[in-house]
Amino acid sequence: MSTANGVKPVVYVVSDSIGETAEFVVRAAASQFDGSGVEIKRVPYVSEKCHIADIIDEAAGKPCIIAYTLVIQEMKEALLQMAQEKGIQTVDIMGPMIQGIQKLTNLQPALKPGLLHQLDEQYFRKVEAIEFAVKYDDGKDPRGILHADVILIGVSRTSKTPVCMYLAHKRIKAANVPLVPEVAPPEELFQLPRRKVIGLTISPSLLNGIRTERLKTLGLAGTADYASFERIMGELEYADSIMKRVGCPIINVTNKAVEETAAKVLEYYYRGERNV
């Protein structure tokens, strides 16, 4: 969607902290319009009136609105005044909820920026899980799998890394181990409770297409052994034998989005289901 002059509308997300809460709300609202109707610009750590003035100057004359989570009253008033002078619409994302809780509890809000991240243990667990996923990606350090919540195993290009990163944002420490016939899997893999390990598999034809495209992006011939059906079938059979030896559930990721695969992994993780 764009205006009559072809300019795409902009939502400025202004925050005195990191701004991810406000951006999440804006993106959720934008999704009701297929998510493509507006451009979202996050402006974090706005702590001075001069910062607000810069934002207003940039936004002036554009088709836009300013969504904000400013908790310091002086900063909020400055934004509202400057935006009103330029005819810019504003949306207070956090203010009404703070006022509602204040009336409900008869308590006074701290009105201190960044308290959510300072107090929210889950936020730090997410950061820790992301760092864990990066450190122990692709079997870089087998010792890490002993400390993981979930370990994904499978052949190359079965979405192990993106699923691990998705799980990390859910505060799950996920590691992954590639299964390659020429390399024995780490012994640590067989020391784990079976409930922690989940295998990922895929149809040979789809894997062939994925690997062929991968080789093209690397400037290599699509006929390389990496993408051959014979090689793929050998790898999948080997991976299946390892998964059976571990005794883990197996998820077929064929035509599944990362979110779908991650949801199934979480189902096993939380419920301890062992049936595929």
Protein backbone atom coordinates (compact mmCIF):
# COMPACT_ATOMS: atom_id res chain seq x y z
CA MET A 1 0.00 0.00 0.00
CA SER A 2 1.24 3.51 -0.81
CA THR A 3 -0.14 7.02 -0.92
CA ALA A 4 -1.21 8.86 -4.04
CA ASN A 5 2.34 10.08 -4.66
CA GLY A 6 3.73 6.55 -4.33
CA VAL A 7 5.31 7.04 -0.89
CA LYS A 8 4.84 4.16 1.52
CA PRO A 9 3.38 5.21 4.90
CA VAL A 10 5.75 4.96 7.86
CA VAL A 11 5.17 4.04 11.49
CA TYR A 12 7.91 5.44 13.69
CA VAL A 13 8.35 3.32 16.80
CA VAL A 14 9.83 5.61 19.46
CA SER A 15 11.01 4.28 22.79
CA ASP A 16 13.16 5.33 25.73
CA SER A 17 14.37 1.72 25.94
CA ILE A 18 15.11 -0.86 23.25
CA GLY A 19 11.64 -0.50 21.71
CA GLU A 20 10.95 -4.14 20.91
CA THR A 21 7.65 -4.13 22.85
CA ALA A 22 6.29 -1.26 20.79
CA GLU A 23 7.57 -2.74 17.55
CA PHE A 24 5.94 -6.08 18.33
CA VAL A 25 2.56 -4.38 18.88
CA VAL A 26 2.92 -2.37 15.67
CA ARG A 27 3.85 -5.44 13.64
CA ALA A 28 0.92 -7.34 15.13
CA ALA A 29 -1.41 -4.53 14.06
CA ALA A 30 0.21 -4.30 10.61
CA SER A 31 -0.31 -8.03 10.11
CA GLN A 32 -4.04 -7.32 9.93
CA PHE A 33 -3.26 -5.47 6.69
CA ASP A 34 -1.07 -8.30 5.30
CA GLY A 35 1.93 -6.68 7.01
CA SER A 36 2.87 -4.85 3.82
CA GLY A 37 0.92 -1.64 4.22
CA VAL A 38 3.49 0.34 6.14
CA GLU A 39 7.20 0.66 6.73
CA ILE A 40 8.24 0.36 10.38
CA LYS A 41 11.18 2.37 11.70
CA ARG A 42 12.26 1.71 15.27
CA VAL A 43 14.01 4.56 17.11
CA PRO A 44 15.29 3.21 20.46
CA TYR A 45 16.85 4.91 23.48
CA VAL A 46 15.21 8.31 23.01
CA SER A 47 16.29 10.16 26.15
CA GLU A 48 16.60 13.82 25.12
CA LYS A 49 14.17 16.34 23.66
CA CYS A 50 16.62 16.97 20.85
CA HIS A 51 16.18 13.32 19.83
CA ILE A 52 12.44 13.86 19.60
CA ALA A 53 12.97 17.01 17.56
CA ASP A 54 15.11 15.05 15.08
CA ILE A 55 12.40 12.41 14.72
CA ILE A 56 9.71 15.02 14.17
CA ASP A 57 11.84 16.78 11.54
CA GLU A 58 12.32 13.53 9.67
CA ALA A 59 8.66 12.58 9.91
CA ALA A 60 7.22 15.98 9.02
CA GLY A 61 5.54 16.02 5.64
CA LYS A 62 5.48 12.23 5.34
CA PRO A 63 2.41 10.01 5.58
CA CYS A 64 3.18 8.59 9.00
CA ILE A 65 2.23 8.04 12.61
CA ILE A 66 4.42 7.83 15.70
CA ALA A 67 3.86 4.91 18.08
CA TYR A 68 5.68 5.40 21.36
CA THR A 69 6.48 3.85 24.71
CA LEU A 70 7.86 6.86 26.58
CA VAL A 71 7.30 6.57 30.33
CA ILE A 72 8.89 9.85 31.44
CA GLN A 73 6.11 12.42 31.39
CA GLU A 74 8.33 15.30 30.27
CA MET A 75 9.49 13.37 27.22
CA LYS A 76 5.99 12.27 26.39
CA GLU A 77 4.65 15.83 26.57
CA ALA A 78 7.48 17.07 24.36
CA LEU A 79 6.68 14.45 21.73
CA LEU A 80 2.96 15.19 21.80
CA GLN A 81 3.51 18.93 21.49
CA MET A 82 6.00 18.71 18.63
CA ALA A 83 3.91 16.13 16.78
CA GLN A 84 0.75 18.23 17.16
CA GLU A 85 2.54 21.27 15.74
CA LYS A 86 3.44 19.27 12.64
CA GLY A 87 0.07 17.52 12.39
CA ILE A 88 1.52 14.08 13.04
CA GLN A 89 -0.71 11.41 14.58
CA THR A 90 0.63 9.68 17.70
CA VAL A 91 -0.30 6.43 19.46
CA ASP A 92 0.58 5.83 23.10
CA ILE A 93 1.16 2.09 23.38
CA MET A 94 2.02 1.72 27.05
CA GLY A 95 0.35 4.72 28.72
CA PRO A 96 -3.26 3.47 28.87
CA MET A 97 -2.18 0.14 30.38
CA ILE A 98 -0.02 1.87 33.00
CA GLN A 99 -2.96 4.11 33.91
CA GLY A 100 -5.29 1.10 34.06
CA ILE A 101 -3.00 -0.82 36.43
CA GLN A 102 -2.50 2.31 38.51
CA LYS A 103 -6.27 2.68 39.00
CA LEU A 104 -6.63 -1.04 39.70
CA THR A 105 -3.89 -1.25 42.32
CA ASN A 106 -3.80 2.32 43.67
CA LEU A 107 -0.01 2.11 43.26
CA GLN A 108 2.24 4.68 41.64
CA PRO A 109 4.24 3.56 38.58
CA ALA A 110 8.04 3.87 38.72
CA LEU A 111 8.10 5.64 35.32
CA LYS A 112 11.62 4.40 34.73
CA PRO A 113 12.73 3.40 31.20
CA GLY A 114 13.85 -0.16 30.52
CA LEU A 115 12.40 -1.78 33.64
CA LEU A 116 10.96 -4.66 31.63
CA HIS A 117 14.41 -5.82 30.55
CA GLN A 118 15.96 -5.05 33.91
CA LEU A 119 13.42 -7.15 35.78
CA ASP A 120 12.33 -9.74 33.28
CA GLU A 121 14.31 -12.92 33.85
CA GLN A 122 12.79 -14.41 30.71
CA TYR A 123 14.47 -11.73 28.61
CA PHE A 124 17.89 -12.75 29.87
CA ARG A 125 17.06 -16.41 29.38
CA LYS A 126 16.26 -15.64 25.75
CA VAL A 127 19.57 -13.84 25.25
CA GLU A 128 21.40 -16.75 26.89
CA ALA A 129 19.57 -19.26 24.69
CA ILE A 130 20.46 -17.32 21.52
CA GLU A 131 24.12 -17.21 22.52
CA PHE A 132 23.96 -20.94 23.26
CA ALA A 133 22.45 -21.73 19.85
CA VAL A 134 25.19 -19.78 18.07
CA LYS A 135 28.01 -21.32 20.12
CA TYR A 136 26.86 -24.91 19.70
CA ASP A 137 25.57 -24.71 16.14
CA ASP A 138 26.40 -27.47 13.67
CA GLY A 139 28.21 -29.62 16.24
CA LYS A 140 30.98 -27.07 16.78
CA ASP A 141 31.54 -28.25 20.35
CA PRO A 142 30.00 -31.62 21.29
CA ARG A 143 30.36 -30.85 24.99
CA GLY A 144 27.61 -28.27 24.61
CA ILE A 145 24.93 -30.86 23.91
CA LEU A 146 25.19 -32.09 27.48
CA HIS A 147 23.88 -28.70 28.61
CA ALA A 148 21.20 -28.29 25.95
CA ASP A 149 17.46 -28.50 26.52
CA VAL A 150 16.97 -29.94 23.03
CA ILE A 151 19.40 -31.42 20.51
CA LEU A 152 18.40 -31.64 16.85
CA ILE A 153 20.11 -34.20 14.64
CA GLY A 154 19.86 -34.71 10.90
CA VAL A 155 21.63 -34.43 7.58
CA SER A 156 22.71 -31.12 6.10
CA ARG A 157 19.93 -28.71 4.98
CA THR A 158 17.14 -30.05 7.19
CA SER A 159 16.63 -26.65 8.86
CA LYS A 160 18.47 -27.57 12.06
CA THR A 161 20.07 -24.14 12.54
CA PRO A 162 17.00 -21.96 11.86
CA VAL A 163 14.86 -24.17 14.08
CA CYS A 164 17.44 -23.87 16.87
CA MET A 165 17.41 -20.08 16.54
CA TYR A 166 13.61 -20.04 16.60
CA LEU A 167 13.64 -22.17 19.75
CA ALA A 168 16.22 -19.83 21.30
CA HIS A 169 13.75 -16.97 20.98
CA LYS A 170 11.39 -19.17 23.00
CA ARG A 171 14.14 -19.41 25.66
CA ILE A 172 14.98 -23.02 24.79
CA LYS A 173 18.69 -23.89 24.69
CA ALA A 174 18.97 -25.85 21.47
CA ALA A 175 22.05 -27.40 19.90
CA ASN A 176 22.30 -29.36 16.68
CA VAL A 177 24.53 -32.09 15.36
CA PRO A 178 24.93 -32.84 11.64
CA LEU A 179 24.87 -36.52 10.72
CA VAL A 180 27.47 -37.36 8.09
CA PRO A 181 28.43 -40.96 7.20
CA GLU A 182 32.13 -40.14 7.20
CA VAL A 183 32.05 -38.64 10.71
CA ALA A 184 30.98 -40.60 13.77
CA PRO A 185 28.47 -38.71 15.93
CA PRO A 186 29.78 -37.55 19.30
CA GLU A 187 29.52 -40.11 22.07
CA GLU A 188 27.79 -37.48 24.20
CA LEU A 189 24.76 -37.91 21.95
CA PHE A 190 24.17 -41.41 23.29
CA GLN A 191 24.57 -40.34 26.91
CA LEU A 192 21.55 -38.05 26.84
CA PRO A 193 17.98 -38.79 27.92
CA ARG A 194 16.10 -39.77 24.77
CA ARG A 195 13.51 -37.06 25.42
CA LYS A 196 16.14 -34.40 24.68
CA VAL A 197 17.06 -35.59 21.19
CA ILE A 198 14.88 -35.06 18.12
CA GLY A 199 15.71 -36.17 14.60
CA LEU A 200 14.88 -34.19 11.49
CA THR A 201 14.44 -35.89 8.15
CA ILE A 202 13.26 -34.79 4.71
CA SER A 203 12.20 -36.25 1.37
CA PRO A 204 15.14 -37.06 -0.94
CA SER A 205 13.68 -35.13 -3.88
CA LEU A 206 13.18 -31.94 -1.89
CA LEU A 207 16.63 -32.24 -0.34
CA ASN A 208 18.09 -32.66 -3.82
CA GLY A 209 16.45 -29.42 -4.92
CA ILE A 210 17.57 -27.52 -1.81
CA ARG A 211 21.15 -28.71 -2.10
CA THR A 212 21.28 -28.01 -5.82
CA GLU A 213 20.18 -24.41 -5.22
CA ARG A 214 22.67 -24.13 -2.37
CA LEU A 215 25.50 -25.17 -4.68
CA LYS A 216 24.39 -22.61 -7.26
CA THR A 217 24.53 -19.80 -4.71
CA LEU A 218 28.08 -20.89 -3.90
CA GLY A 219 29.00 -20.87 -7.58
CA LEU A 220 29.48 -24.63 -7.68
CA ALA A 221 28.19 -27.20 -10.13
CA GLY A 222 24.75 -28.56 -9.33
CA THR A 223 25.99 -32.05 -10.24
CA ALA A 224 28.40 -32.20 -7.30
CA ASP A 225 28.22 -35.31 -5.11
CA TYR A 226 26.68 -33.22 -2.30
CA ALA A 227 23.43 -32.96 -4.28
CA SER A 228 23.39 -36.35 -5.99
CA PHE A 229 20.50 -38.70 -5.24
CA GLU A 230 22.88 -41.53 -4.44
CA ARG A 231 24.69 -39.41 -1.85
CA ILE A 232 21.44 -38.09 -0.40
CA MET A 233 19.91 -41.55 -0.04
CA GLY A 234 23.07 -42.79 1.66
CA GLU A 235 23.06 -39.89 4.11
CA LEU A 236 19.37 -40.28 4.94
CA GLU A 237 19.74 -44.00 5.56
CA TYR A 238 22.76 -43.39 7.78
CA ALA A 239 20.92 -40.64 9.69
CA ASP A 240 17.93 -42.92 10.17
CA SER A 241 20.15 -45.61 11.66
CA ILE A 242 21.62 -43.15 14.15
CA MET A 243 18.19 -41.85 15.12
CA LYS A 244 16.98 -45.41 15.73
CA ARG A 245 20.07 -46.10 17.81
CA VAL A 246 19.39 -42.99 19.91
CA GLY A 247 15.70 -43.90 20.10
CA CYS A 248 14.52 -40.36 19.44
CA PRO A 249 11.35 -39.16 17.71
CA ILE A 250 11.73 -38.10 14.09
CA ILE A 251 10.08 -35.10 12.45
CA ASN A 252 9.73 -35.03 8.68
CA VAL A 253 10.38 -31.40 7.73
CA THR A 254 9.36 -31.83 4.10
CA ASN A 255 7.36 -28.74 3.06
CA LYS A 256 7.22 -27.55 6.68
CA ALA A 257 7.98 -23.96 7.64
CA VAL A 258 10.54 -23.42 10.37
CA GLU A 259 7.73 -22.37 12.71
CA GLU A 260 5.85 -25.62 12.09
CA THR A 261 8.90 -27.74 12.79
CA ALA A 262 9.73 -25.73 15.91
CA ALA A 263 6.14 -26.11 17.16
CA LYS A 264 6.44 -29.89 16.85
CA VAL A 265 9.80 -29.83 18.65
CA LEU A 266 8.23 -27.79 21.45
CA GLU A 267 5.39 -30.28 21.65
CA TYR A 268 7.87 -33.08 22.27
CA TYR A 269 9.85 -30.93 24.65
CA TYR A 270 6.92 -29.91 26.83
CA ARG A 271 4.82 -33.04 26.68
CA GLY A 272 7.53 -35.66 26.37
CA GLU A 273 5.66 -37.41 23.56
CA ARG A 274 7.66 -40.20 21.97
CA ASN A 275 5.41 -41.09 19.02
CA VAL A 276 5.97 -39.47 15.67
